[in-house]
Amino acid sequence: MKLAVAYGSHLPVLMKLLSITDGDVLELGTGIFSTPYLHWACFEKRRLVSYENNPQYYRYNKGYTYGNPLHEMYLIDNWEQADIERPWDVALIDHSPEMRRKQEAKRLANFAKYIVIHDTQPATEHEYNYHEIYPLFKYRYDFTKHPANTSVLSNLVDLTDLNI
């Protein structure tokens, strides 16, 4: 399991969005920062569904679901197996392989109020090709206060006044 401080650069965005919503939350790709935060922010109040394809990350984070029926976690082999085409207030896209992330953004485009995509900095655009999905969304907000940027996309909520 690789570790870096940049892995948590999306936390301010998640904190803000969870403070202004109260519906279901989707996590695509568990981690040492997002999963503990989302688990406790949603604990006993709202449904959190986490999907992971890396057995090591799955084992590390699976313990968060014990005793909390509102937190579901699934280990999958293929991201097409993730049952995500339904309404979400917040959906975090931070899974591997990285080039797959834009596919899940497309799948969620008309289901999630706020789609949070990690690692949207220009320096890694050649790896992620997010420019291919940006035109699919009416609204976009870029959190650039850390070199590892995070973007919020939406077709359902106007992001013009979002301030993080």
N, C-alpha and C. Protein backbone atom coordinates (compact mmCIF):
# COMPACT_ATOMS: atom_id res chain seq x y z
N MET A 1 0.84 -1.17 0.00
CA MET A 1 0.00 0.00 0.00
C MET A 1 0.89 1.24 0.00
N LYS A 2 0.72 2.09 -1.00
CA LYS A 2 1.50 3.32 -1.08
C LYS A 2 0.84 4.40 -0.24
N LEU A 3 1.66 5.26 0.36
CA LEU A 3 1.15 6.35 1.18
C LEU A 3 1.79 7.66 0.77
N ALA A 4 0.99 8.71 0.74
CA ALA A 4 1.48 10.06 0.47
C ALA A 4 0.47 11.06 1.01
N VAL A 5 0.96 12.19 1.50
CA VAL A 5 0.09 13.23 2.03
C VAL A 5 -0.91 13.69 0.97
N ALA A 6 -0.50 13.72 -0.29
CA ALA A 6 -1.38 14.17 -1.37
C ALA A 6 -2.64 13.30 -1.49
N TYR A 7 -2.58 12.09 -0.96
CA TYR A 7 -3.74 11.20 -1.06
C TYR A 7 -4.95 11.77 -0.30
N GLY A 8 -4.72 12.70 0.61
CA GLY A 8 -5.81 13.29 1.37
C GLY A 8 -6.22 14.68 0.92
N SER A 9 -5.72 15.12 -0.22
CA SER A 9 -6.00 16.50 -0.66
C SER A 9 -7.45 16.74 -1.05
N HIS A 10 -8.24 15.69 -1.18
CA HIS A 10 -9.66 15.83 -1.50
C HIS A 10 -10.53 15.99 -0.26
N LEU A 11 -9.95 15.86 0.94
CA LEU A 11 -10.74 15.93 2.16
C LEU A 11 -11.48 17.25 2.35
N PRO A 12 -10.88 18.41 2.09
CA PRO A 12 -11.66 19.65 2.25
C PRO A 12 -12.91 19.68 1.37
N VAL A 13 -12.81 19.14 0.18
CA VAL A 13 -13.96 19.09 -0.72
C VAL A 13 -15.04 18.16 -0.16
N LEU A 14 -14.63 16.98 0.28
CA LEU A 14 -15.60 16.05 0.86
C LEU A 14 -16.25 16.63 2.11
N MET A 15 -15.46 17.27 2.95
CA MET A 15 -16.01 17.87 4.18
C MET A 15 -17.07 18.91 3.86
N LYS A 16 -16.78 19.76 2.90
CA LYS A 16 -17.74 20.79 2.51
C LYS A 16 -19.02 20.16 1.96
N LEU A 17 -18.88 19.24 1.03
CA LEU A 17 -20.06 18.66 0.39
C LEU A 17 -20.91 17.84 1.36
N LEU A 18 -20.27 17.14 2.28
CA LEU A 18 -21.06 16.39 3.25
C LEU A 18 -21.76 17.32 4.24
N SER A 19 -21.23 18.53 4.41
CA SER A 19 -21.87 19.49 5.32
C SER A 19 -23.10 20.14 4.70
N ILE A 20 -23.24 20.08 3.38
CA ILE A 20 -24.37 20.74 2.71
C ILE A 20 -25.35 19.74 2.08
N THR A 21 -25.14 18.46 2.33
CA THR A 21 -26.03 17.42 1.80
C THR A 21 -26.42 16.48 2.94
N ASP A 22 -27.42 15.64 2.68
CA ASP A 22 -27.80 14.67 3.70
C ASP A 22 -28.21 13.32 3.12
N GLY A 23 -27.96 13.12 1.82
CA GLY A 23 -28.33 11.88 1.16
C GLY A 23 -27.20 10.88 1.07
N ASP A 24 -27.42 9.85 0.27
CA ASP A 24 -26.47 8.75 0.12
C ASP A 24 -25.14 9.19 -0.49
N VAL A 25 -24.08 8.48 -0.08
CA VAL A 25 -22.72 8.78 -0.51
C VAL A 25 -22.11 7.53 -1.15
N LEU A 26 -21.41 7.74 -2.25
CA LEU A 26 -20.74 6.66 -2.98
C LEU A 26 -19.24 6.92 -2.95
N GLU A 27 -18.47 5.87 -2.68
CA GLU A 27 -17.00 5.95 -2.69
C GLU A 27 -16.48 4.90 -3.66
N LEU A 28 -15.86 5.35 -4.74
CA LEU A 28 -15.24 4.44 -5.70
C LEU A 28 -13.74 4.49 -5.47
N GLY A 29 -13.22 3.47 -4.82
CA GLY A 29 -11.83 3.42 -4.42
C GLY A 29 -11.72 3.81 -2.96
N THR A 30 -11.43 2.84 -2.09
CA THR A 30 -11.27 3.14 -0.67
C THR A 30 -9.85 3.62 -0.43
N GLY A 31 -9.62 4.23 0.72
CA GLY A 31 -8.29 4.74 0.99
C GLY A 31 -8.07 5.03 2.46
N ILE A 32 -6.86 5.42 2.78
CA ILE A 32 -6.52 5.69 4.18
C ILE A 32 -7.06 7.04 4.65
N PHE A 33 -7.47 7.89 3.73
CA PHE A 33 -8.03 9.18 4.09
C PHE A 33 -9.54 9.22 3.88
N SER A 34 -10.00 8.88 2.69
CA SER A 34 -11.42 9.03 2.38
C SER A 34 -12.30 8.08 3.17
N THR A 35 -11.93 6.83 3.27
CA THR A 35 -12.82 5.86 3.91
C THR A 35 -13.06 6.16 5.39
N PRO A 36 -12.02 6.41 6.20
CA PRO A 36 -12.31 6.75 7.60
C PRO A 36 -13.14 8.03 7.73
N TYR A 37 -12.80 9.04 6.93
CA TYR A 37 -13.58 10.28 7.02
C TYR A 37 -15.04 10.04 6.63
N LEU A 38 -15.27 9.44 5.48
CA LEU A 38 -16.65 9.23 5.02
C LEU A 38 -17.42 8.33 5.99
N HIS A 39 -16.75 7.32 6.51
CA HIS A 39 -17.41 6.42 7.45
C HIS A 39 -17.96 7.20 8.65
N TRP A 40 -17.10 7.99 9.28
CA TRP A 40 -17.53 8.69 10.49
C TRP A 40 -18.46 9.86 10.18
N ALA A 41 -18.30 10.50 9.05
CA ALA A 41 -19.21 11.59 8.67
C ALA A 41 -20.61 11.07 8.38
N CYS A 42 -20.70 9.85 7.89
CA CYS A 42 -22.00 9.24 7.55
C CYS A 42 -22.55 8.36 8.67
N PHE A 43 -21.76 8.04 9.66
CA PHE A 43 -22.07 7.04 10.68
C PHE A 43 -23.47 7.22 11.26
N GLU A 44 -24.27 6.16 11.12
CA GLU A 44 -25.62 6.06 11.67
C GLU A 44 -26.57 7.15 11.18
N LYS A 45 -26.18 7.91 10.12
CA LYS A 45 -27.04 8.98 9.63
C LYS A 45 -27.41 8.83 8.17
N ARG A 46 -26.49 8.31 7.39
CA ARG A 46 -26.74 8.23 5.95
C ARG A 46 -26.01 7.04 5.36
N ARG A 47 -26.51 6.58 4.24
CA ARG A 47 -25.95 5.40 3.58
C ARG A 47 -24.64 5.76 2.88
N LEU A 48 -23.63 4.93 3.10
CA LEU A 48 -22.34 5.03 2.43
C LEU A 48 -22.07 3.70 1.75
N VAL A 49 -21.81 3.73 0.45
CA VAL A 49 -21.49 2.52 -0.30
C VAL A 49 -20.10 2.69 -0.88
N SER A 50 -19.19 1.78 -0.52
CA SER A 50 -17.80 1.82 -0.98
C SER A 50 -17.52 0.62 -1.88
N TYR A 51 -16.83 0.88 -2.98
CA TYR A 51 -16.39 -0.18 -3.89
C TYR A 51 -14.87 -0.12 -4.00
N GLU A 52 -14.25 -1.29 -4.05
CA GLU A 52 -12.79 -1.37 -4.16
C GLU A 52 -12.43 -2.58 -5.01
N ASN A 53 -11.37 -2.44 -5.82
CA ASN A 53 -10.91 -3.57 -6.61
C ASN A 53 -9.54 -4.08 -6.16
N ASN A 54 -8.94 -3.42 -5.19
CA ASN A 54 -7.64 -3.83 -4.67
C ASN A 54 -7.86 -4.57 -3.34
N PRO A 55 -7.57 -5.87 -3.29
CA PRO A 55 -7.82 -6.64 -2.07
C PRO A 55 -7.12 -6.07 -0.83
N GLN A 56 -5.94 -5.48 -1.01
CA GLN A 56 -5.21 -4.92 0.13
C GLN A 56 -5.96 -3.73 0.73
N TYR A 57 -6.41 -2.82 -0.10
CA TYR A 57 -7.19 -1.68 0.40
C TYR A 57 -8.53 -2.16 0.98
N TYR A 58 -9.14 -3.12 0.35
CA TYR A 58 -10.41 -3.66 0.84
C TYR A 58 -10.23 -4.23 2.25
N ARG A 59 -9.23 -5.07 2.46
CA ARG A 59 -8.98 -5.66 3.78
C ARG A 59 -8.69 -4.58 4.81
N TYR A 60 -7.91 -3.58 4.41
CA TYR A 60 -7.54 -2.49 5.32
C TYR A 60 -8.78 -1.73 5.80
N ASN A 61 -9.75 -1.52 4.92
CA ASN A 61 -10.90 -0.67 5.24
C ASN A 61 -12.18 -1.42 5.60
N LYS A 62 -12.25 -2.71 5.36
CA LYS A 62 -13.47 -3.47 5.59
C LYS A 62 -13.98 -3.35 7.03
N GLY A 63 -13.09 -3.21 7.97
CA GLY A 63 -13.48 -3.10 9.38
C GLY A 63 -14.42 -1.96 9.68
N TYR A 64 -14.41 -0.93 8.86
CA TYR A 64 -15.31 0.20 9.09
C TYR A 64 -16.77 -0.18 8.94
N THR A 65 -17.07 -1.26 8.26
CA THR A 65 -18.47 -1.64 8.04
C THR A 65 -19.06 -2.43 9.21
N TYR A 66 -18.23 -2.99 10.08
CA TYR A 66 -18.73 -3.83 11.17
C TYR A 66 -19.57 -2.99 12.13
N GLY A 67 -20.76 -3.48 12.41
CA GLY A 67 -21.63 -2.79 13.34
C GLY A 67 -22.31 -1.56 12.77
N ASN A 68 -22.15 -1.31 11.49
CA ASN A 68 -22.78 -0.15 10.87
C ASN A 68 -23.51 -0.60 9.61
N PRO A 69 -24.79 -0.90 9.71
CA PRO A 69 -25.53 -1.39 8.54
C PRO A 69 -25.67 -0.36 7.43
N LEU A 70 -25.39 0.90 7.70
CA LEU A 70 -25.49 1.93 6.67
C LEU A 70 -24.24 2.05 5.81
N HIS A 71 -23.16 1.35 6.19
CA HIS A 71 -21.93 1.38 5.39
C HIS A 71 -21.75 0.01 4.74
N GLU A 72 -21.89 -0.02 3.42
CA GLU A 72 -21.70 -1.24 2.64
C GLU A 72 -20.37 -1.13 1.90
N MET A 73 -19.63 -2.23 1.85
CA MET A 73 -18.35 -2.23 1.13
C MET A 73 -18.26 -3.50 0.29
N TYR A 74 -17.86 -3.30 -0.97
CA TYR A 74 -17.80 -4.41 -1.91
C TYR A 74 -16.43 -4.49 -2.57
N LEU A 75 -15.89 -5.70 -2.62
CA LEU A 75 -14.67 -5.98 -3.38
C LEU A 75 -15.12 -6.49 -4.75
N ILE A 76 -14.66 -5.83 -5.79
CA ILE A 76 -15.08 -6.20 -7.15
C ILE A 76 -13.85 -6.47 -8.01
N ASP A 77 -14.05 -7.24 -9.06
CA ASP A 77 -12.97 -7.53 -10.01
C ASP A 77 -12.95 -6.55 -11.16
N ASN A 78 -14.11 -6.04 -11.50
CA ASN A 78 -14.27 -5.18 -12.67
C ASN A 78 -15.21 -4.04 -12.29
N TRP A 79 -14.88 -2.82 -12.67
CA TRP A 79 -15.69 -1.66 -12.28
C TRP A 79 -17.08 -1.69 -12.90
N GLU A 80 -17.28 -2.45 -13.95
CA GLU A 80 -18.62 -2.59 -14.51
C GLU A 80 -19.55 -3.30 -13.52
N GLN A 81 -18.98 -4.04 -12.58
CA GLN A 81 -19.78 -4.74 -11.57
C GLN A 81 -20.37 -3.79 -10.53
N ALA A 82 -19.82 -2.60 -10.41
CA ALA A 82 -20.29 -1.65 -9.40
C ALA A 82 -21.68 -1.15 -9.78
N ASP A 83 -22.63 -1.39 -8.90
CA ASP A 83 -24.02 -0.99 -9.12
C ASP A 83 -24.19 0.46 -8.66
N ILE A 84 -23.91 1.40 -9.57
CA ILE A 84 -23.86 2.81 -9.18
C ILE A 84 -24.89 3.69 -9.87
N GLU A 85 -25.61 3.17 -10.83
CA GLU A 85 -26.55 4.00 -11.58
C GLU A 85 -27.84 4.19 -10.79
N ARG A 86 -27.77 5.06 -9.80
CA ARG A 86 -28.90 5.44 -8.96
C ARG A 86 -28.56 6.77 -8.29
N PRO A 87 -29.53 7.44 -7.66
CA PRO A 87 -29.25 8.76 -7.08
C PRO A 87 -28.25 8.72 -5.92
N TRP A 88 -27.35 9.69 -5.93
CA TRP A 88 -26.36 9.90 -4.87
C TRP A 88 -26.29 11.40 -4.60
N ASP A 89 -26.09 11.78 -3.36
CA ASP A 89 -25.82 13.19 -3.10
C ASP A 89 -24.37 13.51 -3.43
N VAL A 90 -23.45 12.64 -2.98
CA VAL A 90 -22.02 12.83 -3.22
C VAL A 90 -21.44 11.51 -3.73
N ALA A 91 -20.64 11.59 -4.78
CA ALA A 91 -19.95 10.41 -5.31
C ALA A 91 -18.47 10.76 -5.47
N LEU A 92 -17.61 10.01 -4.79
CA LEU A 92 -16.16 10.20 -4.89
C LEU A 92 -15.61 9.21 -5.90
N ILE A 93 -14.86 9.73 -6.87
CA ILE A 93 -14.20 8.90 -7.87
C ILE A 93 -12.70 9.02 -7.63
N ASP A 94 -12.11 7.93 -7.11
CA ASP A 94 -10.69 7.95 -6.74
C ASP A 94 -10.13 6.53 -6.80
N HIS A 95 -10.50 5.79 -7.84
CA HIS A 95 -10.14 4.38 -7.91
C HIS A 95 -9.08 4.10 -8.97
N SER A 96 -8.62 2.87 -8.94
CA SER A 96 -7.63 2.41 -9.92
C SER A 96 -8.26 1.33 -10.78
N PRO A 97 -7.84 1.18 -12.01
CA PRO A 97 -6.81 1.97 -12.68
C PRO A 97 -7.32 3.38 -12.99
N GLU A 98 -6.41 4.33 -12.93
CA GLU A 98 -6.76 5.74 -13.07
C GLU A 98 -7.48 6.05 -14.37
N MET A 99 -7.08 5.41 -15.45
CA MET A 99 -7.71 5.71 -16.74
C MET A 99 -9.17 5.28 -16.79
N ARG A 100 -9.61 4.53 -15.80
CA ARG A 100 -10.99 4.06 -15.73
C ARG A 100 -11.93 5.10 -15.10
N ARG A 101 -11.39 6.07 -14.38
CA ARG A 101 -12.20 7.02 -13.63
C ARG A 101 -13.20 7.78 -14.50
N LYS A 102 -12.79 8.14 -15.70
CA LYS A 102 -13.70 8.91 -16.55
C LYS A 102 -14.93 8.08 -16.94
N GLN A 103 -14.78 6.76 -17.00
CA GLN A 103 -15.93 5.91 -17.31
C GLN A 103 -16.99 5.98 -16.20
N GLU A 104 -16.54 5.95 -14.96
CA GLU A 104 -17.49 6.04 -13.85
C GLU A 104 -18.11 7.43 -13.77
N ALA A 105 -17.35 8.46 -14.12
CA ALA A 105 -17.93 9.81 -14.16
C ALA A 105 -19.06 9.87 -15.17
N LYS A 106 -18.86 9.24 -16.31
CA LYS A 106 -19.93 9.19 -17.33
C LYS A 106 -21.15 8.45 -16.79
N ARG A 107 -20.92 7.34 -16.11
CA ARG A 107 -22.02 6.55 -15.57
C ARG A 107 -22.83 7.32 -14.53
N LEU A 108 -22.16 8.20 -13.81
CA LEU A 108 -22.82 8.94 -12.72
C LEU A 108 -23.35 10.31 -13.15
N ALA A 109 -23.07 10.72 -14.36
CA ALA A 109 -23.35 12.09 -14.82
C ALA A 109 -24.77 12.56 -14.53
N ASN A 110 -25.74 11.70 -14.63
CA ASN A 110 -27.13 12.11 -14.41
C ASN A 110 -27.75 11.48 -13.16
N PHE A 111 -26.89 10.98 -12.27
CA PHE A 111 -27.37 10.37 -11.04
C PHE A 111 -26.86 11.07 -9.78
N ALA A 112 -25.65 11.58 -9.79
CA ALA A 112 -25.05 12.17 -8.59
C ALA A 112 -25.15 13.69 -8.62
N LYS A 113 -25.56 14.25 -7.49
CA LYS A 113 -25.60 15.72 -7.39
C LYS A 113 -24.20 16.30 -7.49
N TYR A 114 -23.28 15.72 -6.72
CA TYR A 114 -21.89 16.19 -6.70
C TYR A 114 -20.97 15.01 -6.99
N ILE A 115 -20.21 15.10 -8.06
CA ILE A 115 -19.22 14.08 -8.41
C ILE A 115 -17.85 14.66 -8.10
N VAL A 116 -17.15 14.05 -7.16
CA VAL A 116 -15.84 14.51 -6.72
C VAL A 116 -14.80 13.64 -7.40
N ILE A 117 -13.92 14.28 -8.18
CA ILE A 117 -12.87 13.54 -8.88
C ILE A 117 -11.52 14.01 -8.36
N HIS A 118 -10.75 13.06 -7.87
CA HIS A 118 -9.43 13.37 -7.31
C HIS A 118 -8.36 13.33 -8.39
N ASP A 119 -7.30 14.09 -8.19
CA ASP A 119 -6.12 14.10 -9.07
C ASP A 119 -6.42 14.75 -10.42
N THR A 120 -7.04 15.92 -10.41
CA THR A 120 -7.40 16.60 -11.67
C THR A 120 -6.40 17.69 -12.05
N GLN A 121 -5.24 17.71 -11.43
CA GLN A 121 -4.23 18.72 -11.74
C GLN A 121 -3.74 18.57 -13.19
N PRO A 122 -3.43 19.70 -13.83
CA PRO A 122 -2.98 19.65 -15.23
C PRO A 122 -1.77 18.75 -15.47
N ALA A 123 -0.90 18.63 -14.49
CA ALA A 123 0.33 17.84 -14.67
C ALA A 123 0.06 16.36 -14.93
N THR A 124 -1.10 15.87 -14.51
CA THR A 124 -1.41 14.45 -14.72
C THR A 124 -2.53 14.23 -15.73
N GLU A 125 -2.91 15.27 -16.44
CA GLU A 125 -3.98 15.15 -17.43
C GLU A 125 -3.68 14.07 -18.47
N HIS A 126 -2.41 13.90 -18.84
CA HIS A 126 -2.05 12.88 -19.84
C HIS A 126 -2.33 11.45 -19.35
N GLU A 127 -2.42 11.27 -18.02
CA GLU A 127 -2.73 9.94 -17.46
C GLU A 127 -4.23 9.69 -17.37
N TYR A 128 -4.97 10.75 -17.04
CA TYR A 128 -6.39 10.60 -16.74
C TYR A 128 -7.32 10.99 -17.89
N ASN A 129 -6.89 11.94 -18.72
CA ASN A 129 -7.71 12.42 -19.85
C ASN A 129 -9.09 12.90 -19.42
N TYR A 130 -9.14 13.63 -18.32
CA TYR A 130 -10.42 14.15 -17.83
C TYR A 130 -11.05 15.14 -18.81
N HIS A 131 -10.24 15.75 -19.65
CA HIS A 131 -10.79 16.71 -20.62
C HIS A 131 -11.87 16.06 -21.50
N GLU A 132 -11.83 14.76 -21.62
CA GLU A 132 -12.82 14.05 -22.43
C GLU A 132 -14.21 14.03 -21.79
N ILE A 133 -14.27 14.17 -20.46
CA ILE A 133 -15.58 14.11 -19.80
C ILE A 133 -16.10 15.47 -19.37
N TYR A 134 -15.24 16.46 -19.25
CA TYR A 134 -15.70 17.77 -18.78
C TYR A 134 -16.88 18.31 -19.59
N PRO A 135 -16.90 18.17 -20.92
CA PRO A 135 -18.05 18.69 -21.69
C PRO A 135 -19.38 18.01 -21.38
N LEU A 136 -19.35 16.87 -20.70
CA LEU A 136 -20.58 16.16 -20.37
C LEU A 136 -21.32 16.78 -19.18
N PHE A 137 -20.68 17.76 -18.54
CA PHE A 137 -21.23 18.34 -17.32
C PHE A 137 -21.52 19.82 -17.48
N LYS A 138 -22.63 20.26 -16.90
CA LYS A 138 -23.02 21.66 -16.95
C LYS A 138 -22.16 22.52 -16.04
N TYR A 139 -21.76 21.94 -14.90
CA TYR A 139 -21.06 22.72 -13.88
C TYR A 139 -19.77 22.01 -13.45
N ARG A 140 -18.78 22.85 -13.12
CA ARG A 140 -17.48 22.33 -12.68
C ARG A 140 -16.87 23.31 -11.69
N TYR A 141 -16.30 22.76 -10.62
CA TYR A 141 -15.57 23.54 -9.63
C TYR A 141 -14.23 22.85 -9.42
N ASP A 142 -13.15 23.62 -9.45
CA ASP A 142 -11.81 23.06 -9.25
C ASP A 142 -11.23 23.54 -7.93
N PHE A 143 -10.88 22.61 -7.07
CA PHE A 143 -10.21 22.91 -5.80
C PHE A 143 -8.71 22.80 -6.06
N THR A 144 -8.02 23.92 -6.02
CA THR A 144 -6.60 23.97 -6.41
C THR A 144 -5.70 24.44 -5.28
N LYS A 145 -6.15 24.34 -4.04
CA LYS A 145 -5.35 24.81 -2.90
C LYS A 145 -4.27 23.81 -2.50
N HIS A 146 -4.20 22.70 -3.20
CA HIS A 146 -3.14 21.70 -3.02
C HIS A 146 -2.70 21.29 -4.42
N PRO A 147 -1.42 20.98 -4.61
CA PRO A 147 -0.96 20.58 -5.95
C PRO A 147 -1.71 19.38 -6.54
N ALA A 148 -2.21 18.49 -5.68
CA ALA A 148 -3.05 17.40 -6.16
C ALA A 148 -4.49 17.91 -6.13
N ASN A 149 -4.94 18.41 -7.27
CA ASN A 149 -6.25 19.06 -7.37
C ASN A 149 -7.40 18.07 -7.26
N THR A 150 -8.55 18.61 -6.91
CA THR A 150 -9.80 17.86 -6.86
C THR A 150 -10.86 18.68 -7.56
N SER A 151 -11.67 18.06 -8.40
CA SER A 151 -12.73 18.77 -9.10
C SER A 151 -14.09 18.21 -8.70
N VAL A 152 -15.08 19.09 -8.76
CA VAL A 152 -16.46 18.70 -8.52
C VAL A 152 -17.21 18.95 -9.82
N LEU A 153 -17.93 17.94 -10.27
CA LEU A 153 -18.72 18.03 -11.50
C LEU A 153 -20.19 17.79 -11.17
N SER A 154 -21.07 18.45 -11.93
CA SER A 154 -22.49 18.23 -11.71
C SER A 154 -23.32 18.62 -12.92
N ASN A 155 -24.36 17.89 -13.13
CA ASN A 155 -25.42 18.26 -14.07
C ASN A 155 -26.69 18.62 -13.31
N LEU A 156 -26.69 18.39 -11.99
CA LEU A 156 -27.90 18.55 -11.19
C LEU A 156 -27.87 19.75 -10.26
N VAL A 157 -26.68 20.24 -9.91
CA VAL A 157 -26.55 21.35 -8.97
C VAL A 157 -25.62 22.40 -9.56
N ASP A 158 -26.05 23.65 -9.53
CA ASP A 158 -25.22 24.76 -9.99
C ASP A 158 -24.08 24.97 -8.99
N LEU A 159 -22.85 24.88 -9.45
CA LEU A 159 -21.67 24.99 -8.59
C LEU A 159 -21.09 26.40 -8.55
N THR A 160 -21.75 27.35 -9.17
CA THR A 160 -21.23 28.71 -9.26
C THR A 160 -20.87 29.29 -7.90
N ASP A 161 -21.69 29.04 -6.88
CA ASP A 161 -21.45 29.62 -5.56
C ASP A 161 -20.72 28.69 -4.61
N LEU A 162 -20.27 27.54 -5.09
CA LEU A 162 -19.52 26.62 -4.23
C LEU A 162 -18.19 27.27 -3.88
N ASN A 163 -17.88 27.30 -2.59
CA ASN A 163 -16.65 27.93 -2.12
C ASN A 163 -16.01 27.03 -1.07
N ILE A 164 -14.82 26.55 -1.38
CA ILE A 164 -14.12 25.66 -0.45
C ILE A 164 -12.74 26.25 -0.18
